[in-house]
Amino acid sequence: MTRLAVTAALAAVVVAASAMLLHSGRAIDLAGAASPTLERGVVDVNTALAFQNGNAAGTGIVLTPSGLVLTNNHVIRGATNIRVRVVGTGRSYGATVLGYSVANDVALLRLRGASNLQTTTLGRSSQLRVGMSVTAVGNAGGVGGDPTVTTGRVTELHRAITVGDGAGSSKRLTDLIRASTSVQPGDSGGPLLNGAGRVVGVITATAGGEDFNGQSSGAFAIPIDRAVSLADQIEAGRSSAAVHIGPTAFLGVLTRPDDDAGTRGAVIGAVVPGSAAAKAGIQAGDVVTWFGGHPVSSAVALTKLVLRVSPGAKVQIRWLDPDGYPHAAVVRPAAGPPQ
């Protein structure tokens, strides 16, 4: 497998209080007006990011009539409130995160009070071959309304890429489908369809490293076989090293990028007032070195350790202040937004 660095690639569109990153243009519709077949089982996922003072938008795929929705983890990351709009009917529902996989960029939502929803028809990503026709359906620009539709072909299989999240950190995604379909921020979580209109992938990133003001030269998608397998694991409530189930523990810190740390540990950039970290006395500039019985080597390591903790559990934490003096406390993280 080759490795590709993708900048600004995660295609959930974020609207911050200080800057509007939405692109007002629509994806080029190569298939004509969106048809009922293309709309079937497609939803817009809109989130509030209270701790980031902003909002985000993406796309989702309806798996069951009772309201199980598949999307990307990065679409719902940091969400303090989620509303899902069914494209075919225009009806909106509140949503709960049942679980997610950061490593695979997959999340499963349950819509509250939903019933009799139209679902997508799933295909088999294992049957894809380079050169096959595919169609990407999504919520380009996060503006809602009729879904955007672009067509193309499978150009590569089993691709590994490195994606940035816009917050100074990155992760590696493997075994992806690459297609020549153009996607924009907001298309994340949308379906990649084969020639028969069956879902064979979940759009997760743009190819080419374009910014939010231009269309991409292609798209990367998670194979639907793997995405559905993870969704089944989440629905069954089976946690693992790669899958988080249920509410997420919230320590209440914003870490600096690891390459800016200059020391071993997780450097704290900001602390949420009233959070477990704030009550313990942790402040910006401190370096967390120990959490829950394990040494902390980096900001990424701290995030992984917090994900292992159940909200409300007592956990020991150690840190160094900017002068190098050690501190320790027992914290009780509350339930917070998904990571």
Protein backbone atom coordinates (compact mmCIF):
# COMPACT_ATOMS: atom_id res chain seq x y z
CA MET A 1 0.00 0.00 0.00
CA THR A 2 1.14 3.53 -0.70
CA ARG A 3 0.69 6.38 1.71
CA LEU A 4 -0.84 9.74 0.79
CA ALA A 5 -0.93 12.87 2.90
CA VAL A 6 -4.32 14.53 2.52
CA THR A 7 -4.71 18.09 3.76
CA ALA A 8 -8.12 19.51 4.68
CA ALA A 9 -9.39 16.14 3.57
CA LEU A 10 -12.00 15.18 6.14
CA ALA A 11 -15.07 16.43 4.40
CA ALA A 12 -17.32 17.47 7.27
CA VAL A 13 -17.83 21.20 6.90
CA VAL A 14 -17.34 23.29 10.05
CA VAL A 15 -18.79 26.73 10.70
CA ALA A 16 -16.87 28.57 13.43
CA ALA A 17 -18.07 31.72 15.12
CA SER A 18 -15.18 33.73 13.72
CA ALA A 19 -15.12 32.36 10.16
CA MET A 20 -17.56 30.68 7.83
CA LEU A 21 -15.92 27.79 6.04
CA LEU A 22 -18.98 26.72 4.07
CA HIS A 23 -18.57 26.77 0.29
CA SER A 24 -21.70 28.24 -1.21
CA GLY A 25 -21.31 26.45 -4.54
CA ARG A 26 -22.79 23.02 -5.24
CA ALA A 27 -21.01 19.96 -6.54
CA ILE A 28 -21.30 19.53 -10.30
CA ASP A 29 -24.36 17.36 -10.86
CA LEU A 30 -23.30 15.01 -13.63
CA ALA A 31 -26.34 12.79 -13.20
CA GLY A 32 -29.02 15.46 -13.53
CA ALA A 33 -31.48 16.30 -10.75
CA ALA A 34 -31.30 14.02 -7.74
CA SER A 35 -33.74 11.15 -8.19
CA PRO A 36 -35.88 9.51 -5.48
CA THR A 37 -33.62 6.46 -5.85
CA LEU A 38 -30.52 8.50 -5.03
CA GLU A 39 -32.28 10.27 -2.16
CA ARG A 40 -33.44 7.03 -0.59
CA GLY A 41 -31.80 6.42 2.75
CA VAL A 42 -29.67 9.59 2.64
CA VAL A 43 -29.74 12.05 5.57
CA ASP A 44 -28.08 15.35 6.47
CA VAL A 45 -26.25 15.27 9.81
CA ASN A 46 -26.06 18.66 11.56
CA THR A 47 -24.16 19.08 14.82
CA ALA A 48 -23.62 21.77 17.44
CA LEU A 49 -20.06 22.06 18.78
CA ALA A 50 -20.61 23.95 22.01
CA PHE A 51 -17.02 23.66 23.23
CA GLN A 52 -15.73 24.93 19.89
CA ASN A 53 -18.40 27.64 19.59
CA GLY A 54 -19.53 26.46 16.18
CA ASN A 55 -21.50 23.97 14.08
CA ALA A 56 -20.75 21.22 11.58
CA ALA A 57 -22.58 19.36 8.83
CA GLY A 58 -22.15 16.05 7.05
CA THR A 59 -24.13 13.18 5.55
CA GLY A 60 -25.39 9.82 6.78
CA ILE A 61 -26.80 6.53 5.48
CA VAL A 62 -30.00 5.00 6.91
CA LEU A 63 -29.47 1.32 7.72
CA THR A 64 -32.79 0.40 9.37
CA PRO A 65 -36.40 1.69 9.25
CA SER A 66 -36.21 2.35 13.01
CA GLY A 67 -33.43 4.91 12.53
CA LEU A 68 -29.94 3.43 12.71
CA VAL A 69 -27.70 5.77 10.71
CA LEU A 70 -24.15 5.15 9.57
CA THR A 71 -21.77 8.11 9.18
CA ASN A 72 -18.14 9.11 9.74
CA ASN A 73 -16.72 9.53 13.21
CA HIS A 74 -15.28 12.90 12.23
CA VAL A 75 -18.78 14.11 11.29
CA ILE A 76 -19.96 13.79 14.90
CA ARG A 77 -16.65 14.40 16.66
CA GLY A 78 -17.06 17.03 19.39
CA ALA A 79 -20.84 17.20 18.90
CA THR A 80 -22.87 18.32 21.90
CA ASN A 81 -26.13 18.09 19.95
CA ILE A 82 -27.01 16.20 16.75
CA ARG A 83 -30.01 16.75 14.46
CA VAL A 84 -30.55 14.53 11.43
CA ARG A 85 -32.74 15.55 8.49
CA VAL A 86 -34.14 12.84 6.23
CA VAL A 87 -33.61 14.11 2.71
CA GLY A 88 -36.58 12.29 1.17
CA THR A 89 -39.17 13.61 3.62
CA GLY A 90 -37.60 16.71 5.13
CA ARG A 91 -38.38 15.46 8.62
CA SER A 92 -35.80 16.11 11.36
CA TYR A 93 -34.86 13.95 14.35
CA GLY A 94 -32.59 14.23 17.35
CA ALA A 95 -29.84 11.62 17.36
CA THR A 96 -27.84 9.68 19.94
CA VAL A 97 -24.34 8.32 19.28
CA LEU A 98 -24.41 4.58 19.99
CA GLY A 99 -20.69 4.19 19.40
CA TYR A 100 -17.83 4.93 17.05
CA SER A 101 -14.40 3.90 15.82
CA VAL A 102 -11.83 6.68 15.65
CA ALA A 103 -9.33 4.42 13.89
CA ASN A 104 -11.80 3.50 11.13
CA ASP A 105 -13.69 6.84 11.01
CA VAL A 106 -17.08 5.17 11.48
CA ALA A 107 -19.95 6.12 13.79
CA LEU A 108 -23.44 4.70 14.38
CA LEU A 109 -26.35 6.94 15.37
CA ARG A 110 -29.87 6.18 16.54
CA LEU A 111 -32.60 8.65 15.58
CA ARG A 112 -35.03 9.32 18.44
CA GLY A 113 -38.66 8.61 17.61
CA ALA A 114 -37.98 7.44 14.05
CA SER A 115 -39.94 4.69 12.32
CA ASN A 116 -40.75 3.49 8.82
CA LEU A 117 -37.72 5.20 7.30
CA GLN A 118 -36.60 4.34 3.81
CA THR A 119 -33.26 2.58 3.88
CA THR A 120 -30.38 2.31 1.47
CA THR A 121 -29.69 -0.87 -0.47
CA LEU A 122 -26.30 -2.27 0.44
CA GLY A 123 -23.91 -3.82 -2.02
CA ARG A 124 -20.61 -5.65 -1.55
CA SER A 125 -17.44 -3.61 -1.65
CA SER A 126 -15.48 -6.84 -2.03
CA GLN A 127 -16.89 -7.10 -5.56
CA LEU A 128 -15.54 -3.70 -6.68
CA ARG A 129 -12.90 -3.56 -9.38
CA VAL A 130 -10.82 -0.68 -10.76
CA GLY A 131 -12.67 0.98 -13.63
CA MET A 132 -16.19 0.31 -12.34
CA SER A 133 -18.66 3.22 -12.44
CA VAL A 134 -19.61 4.78 -9.10
CA THR A 135 -21.73 7.69 -7.88
CA ALA A 136 -21.14 9.86 -4.80
CA VAL A 137 -24.17 11.33 -3.02
CA GLY A 138 -23.82 13.92 -0.27
CA ASN A 139 -24.54 17.27 1.34
CA ALA A 140 -21.88 19.39 -0.40
CA GLY A 141 -21.21 22.60 1.51
CA GLY A 142 -23.51 21.49 4.33
CA VAL A 143 -26.36 23.54 2.86
CA GLY A 144 -29.01 20.79 2.92
CA GLY A 145 -31.76 20.51 0.33
CA ASP A 146 -31.51 18.06 -2.55
CA PRO A 147 -28.42 15.87 -2.30
CA THR A 148 -25.49 16.57 -4.62
CA VAL A 149 -24.56 13.83 -7.03
CA THR A 150 -21.29 13.27 -8.91
CA THR A 151 -20.25 10.31 -11.01
CA GLY A 152 -16.90 8.72 -11.72
CA ARG A 153 -15.01 5.47 -11.64
CA VAL A 154 -13.06 3.41 -9.14
CA THR A 155 -9.40 4.34 -9.66
CA GLU A 156 -7.74 2.40 -6.85
CA LEU A 157 -8.50 -0.15 -4.13
CA HIS A 158 -6.85 -0.89 -0.76
CA ARG A 159 -5.40 2.63 -0.48
CA ALA A 160 -3.87 3.96 2.76
CA ILE A 161 -3.86 7.70 3.48
CA THR A 162 -2.97 10.09 6.26
CA VAL A 163 -5.64 12.70 6.99
CA GLY A 164 -5.48 15.87 9.04
CA ASP A 165 -8.40 16.93 11.21
CA GLY A 166 -7.74 20.65 11.00
CA ALA A 167 -6.79 20.77 14.69
CA GLY A 168 -3.12 19.89 14.33
CA SER A 169 -3.42 16.11 14.59
CA SER A 170 -3.67 13.39 11.96
CA LYS A 171 -4.47 9.72 11.62
CA ARG A 172 -3.94 6.93 9.11
CA LEU A 173 -6.85 5.26 7.34
CA THR A 174 -6.24 2.04 5.45
CA ASP A 175 -7.86 -0.20 2.84
CA LEU A 176 -9.89 2.62 1.26
CA ILE A 177 -11.61 2.90 -2.11
CA ARG A 178 -10.40 5.74 -4.32
CA ALA A 179 -12.77 7.10 -6.95
CA SER A 180 -12.74 9.97 -9.45
CA THR A 181 -16.02 11.37 -8.07
CA SER A 182 -15.68 14.97 -6.89
CA VAL A 183 -16.65 15.66 -3.26
CA GLN A 184 -16.77 18.71 -1.02
CA PRO A 185 -16.92 19.42 2.72
CA GLY A 186 -20.30 18.19 3.93
CA ASP A 187 -20.24 15.03 1.77
CA SER A 188 -18.55 13.00 4.53
CA GLY A 189 -20.64 10.02 5.59
CA GLY A 190 -22.54 9.92 2.32
CA PRO A 191 -22.91 6.81 0.16
CA LEU A 192 -20.71 5.77 -2.72
CA LEU A 193 -22.99 3.77 -5.04
CA ASN A 194 -22.13 1.17 -7.65
CA GLY A 195 -23.70 1.05 -11.09
CA ALA A 196 -26.74 -0.77 -9.70
CA GLY A 197 -27.39 1.96 -7.10
CA ARG A 198 -26.18 -0.13 -4.17
CA VAL A 199 -23.98 1.34 -1.42
CA VAL A 200 -20.42 0.09 -1.70
CA GLY A 201 -18.62 2.74 0.36
CA VAL A 202 -18.90 5.60 2.85
CA ILE A 203 -17.32 8.85 1.66
CA THR A 204 -14.65 9.92 4.14
CA ALA A 205 -12.05 12.19 2.50
CA THR A 206 -11.17 14.18 -0.57
CA ALA A 207 -8.28 13.29 -2.82
CA GLY A 208 -5.81 15.96 -3.89
CA GLY A 209 -5.60 18.11 -0.77
CA GLU A 210 -7.87 20.94 -1.87
CA ASP A 211 -9.09 23.51 0.61
CA PHE A 212 -12.70 24.21 1.46
CA ASN A 213 -13.11 26.59 -1.48
CA GLY A 214 -12.61 24.11 -4.31
CA GLN A 215 -13.82 20.77 -5.50
CA SER A 216 -11.58 17.76 -5.15
CA SER A 217 -10.02 15.68 -7.87
CA GLY A 218 -11.48 12.56 -6.32
CA ALA A 219 -12.76 10.88 -3.19
CA PHE A 220 -11.78 8.21 -0.70
CA ALA A 221 -14.44 5.93 0.78
CA ILE A 222 -14.54 3.29 3.51
CA PRO A 223 -15.58 -0.10 2.06
CA ILE A 224 -19.18 -0.77 3.08
CA ASP A 225 -18.39 -4.36 4.11
CA ARG A 226 -16.06 -3.08 6.85
CA ALA A 227 -18.30 -0.15 7.82
CA VAL A 228 -21.36 -2.37 8.30
CA SER A 229 -19.32 -4.93 10.26
CA LEU A 230 -18.30 -2.15 12.66
CA ALA A 231 -21.89 -0.88 12.83
CA ASP A 232 -23.07 -4.39 13.75
CA GLN A 233 -20.44 -4.53 16.51
CA ILE A 234 -21.56 -1.16 17.87
CA GLU A 235 -25.25 -2.11 17.76
CA ALA A 236 -24.42 -5.28 19.69
CA GLY A 237 -22.61 -3.21 22.34
CA ARG A 238 -19.26 -4.97 21.90
CA SER A 239 -16.43 -2.56 22.72
CA SER A 240 -12.87 -3.26 21.61
CA ALA A 241 -9.56 -1.50 21.14
CA ALA A 242 -10.95 0.01 17.92
CA VAL A 243 -14.60 0.58 18.93
CA HIS A 244 -16.00 2.83 21.65
CA ILE A 245 -19.51 2.08 22.91
CA GLY A 246 -21.89 4.53 24.57
CA PRO A 247 -21.21 7.89 26.25
CA THR A 248 -17.72 9.37 26.13
CA ALA A 249 -15.81 10.49 29.20
CA PHE A 250 -15.03 14.23 29.13
CA LEU A 251 -11.89 15.42 30.90
CA GLY A 252 -12.34 18.99 29.71
CA VAL A 253 -8.98 19.83 28.15
CA LEU A 254 -7.85 21.00 24.74
CA THR A 255 -4.37 19.69 23.98
CA ARG A 256 -1.76 21.26 21.78
CA PRO A 257 -0.40 19.38 18.75
CA ASP A 258 2.19 16.82 19.78
CA ASP A 259 4.86 18.28 17.49
CA ASP A 260 4.60 21.55 19.43
CA ALA A 261 5.01 19.92 22.82
CA GLY A 262 8.78 19.91 23.11
CA THR A 263 8.43 17.45 25.99
CA ARG A 264 7.04 14.02 26.75
CA GLY A 265 3.36 14.15 27.69
CA ALA A 266 0.20 15.96 26.64
CA VAL A 267 0.56 19.74 26.70
CA ILE A 268 -2.68 21.48 27.72
CA GLY A 269 -3.74 24.39 25.53
CA ALA A 270 -7.00 25.24 27.31
CA VAL A 271 -9.28 23.94 30.04
CA VAL A 272 -13.09 23.99 29.98
CA PRO A 273 -14.43 25.87 33.03
CA GLY A 274 -16.23 23.60 35.49
CA SER A 275 -14.84 20.42 33.94
CA ALA A 276 -13.07 17.61 35.80
CA ALA A 277 -9.71 19.01 34.74
CA ALA A 278 -10.59 22.50 35.94
CA LYS A 279 -11.76 21.18 39.32
CA ALA A 280 -8.45 19.34 39.71
CA GLY A 281 -6.54 22.57 39.13
CA ILE A 282 -5.10 21.78 35.70
CA GLN A 283 -4.32 24.91 33.68
CA ALA A 284 -3.16 25.84 30.20
CA GLY A 285 0.55 25.15 29.83
CA ASP A 286 0.54 22.14 32.16
CA VAL A 287 1.76 18.79 30.85
CA VAL A 288 -0.25 15.66 31.70
CA THR A 289 2.11 12.73 32.27
CA TRP A 290 -0.13 10.05 33.83
CA PHE A 291 -3.78 9.07 33.50
CA GLY A 292 -5.70 6.09 34.85
CA GLY A 293 -2.67 4.02 35.77
CA HIS A 294 -0.79 4.60 32.52
CA PRO A 295 1.98 7.01 31.47
CA VAL A 296 0.95 9.65 28.94
CA SER A 297 3.45 10.08 26.12
CA SER A 298 1.48 12.44 23.88
CA ALA A 299 -1.82 14.23 23.31
CA VAL A 300 -3.00 11.32 21.16
CA ALA A 301 -2.13 8.88 23.97
CA LEU A 302 -4.16 10.93 26.47
CA THR A 303 -7.18 10.90 24.16
CA LYS A 304 -7.00 7.12 23.84
CA LEU A 305 -6.74 6.68 27.60
CA VAL A 306 -9.72 8.94 28.28
CA LEU A 307 -11.77 6.90 25.79
CA ARG A 308 -11.23 3.80 27.95
CA VAL A 309 -12.84 5.45 30.99
CA SER A 310 -16.56 5.38 31.78
CA PRO A 311 -18.13 8.75 32.60
CA GLY A 312 -18.31 9.23 36.36
CA ALA A 313 -15.44 6.85 37.17
CA LYS A 314 -12.67 8.00 39.52
CA VAL A 315 -9.30 8.27 37.76
CA GLN A 316 -5.89 9.38 39.00
CA ILE A 317 -4.14 12.02 36.91
CA ARG A 318 -0.65 13.50 37.25
CA TRP A 319 0.82 16.56 35.59
CA LEU A 320 3.68 19.04 35.62
CA ASP A 321 3.13 22.78 35.78
CA PRO A 322 5.16 25.15 33.52
CA ASP A 323 7.84 25.37 36.24
CA GLY A 324 8.22 21.59 36.29
CA TYR A 325 6.56 20.99 39.67
CA PRO A 326 4.55 17.74 39.87
CA HIS A 327 0.86 17.62 40.78
CA ALA A 328 -1.64 14.80 41.22
CA ALA A 329 -5.39 14.51 41.74
CA VAL A 330 -8.30 12.11 41.40
CA VAL A 331 -10.75 13.27 38.74
CA ARG A 332 -14.24 12.10 37.83
CA PRO A 333 -14.83 12.85 34.11
CA ALA A 334 -18.39 13.64 33.15
CA ALA A 335 -20.15 12.47 29.98
CA GLY A 336 -19.20 14.62 27.02
CA PRO A 337 -19.02 14.80 23.23
CA PRO A 338 -17.57 11.97 21.14
CA GLN A 339 -13.89 12.09 20.26
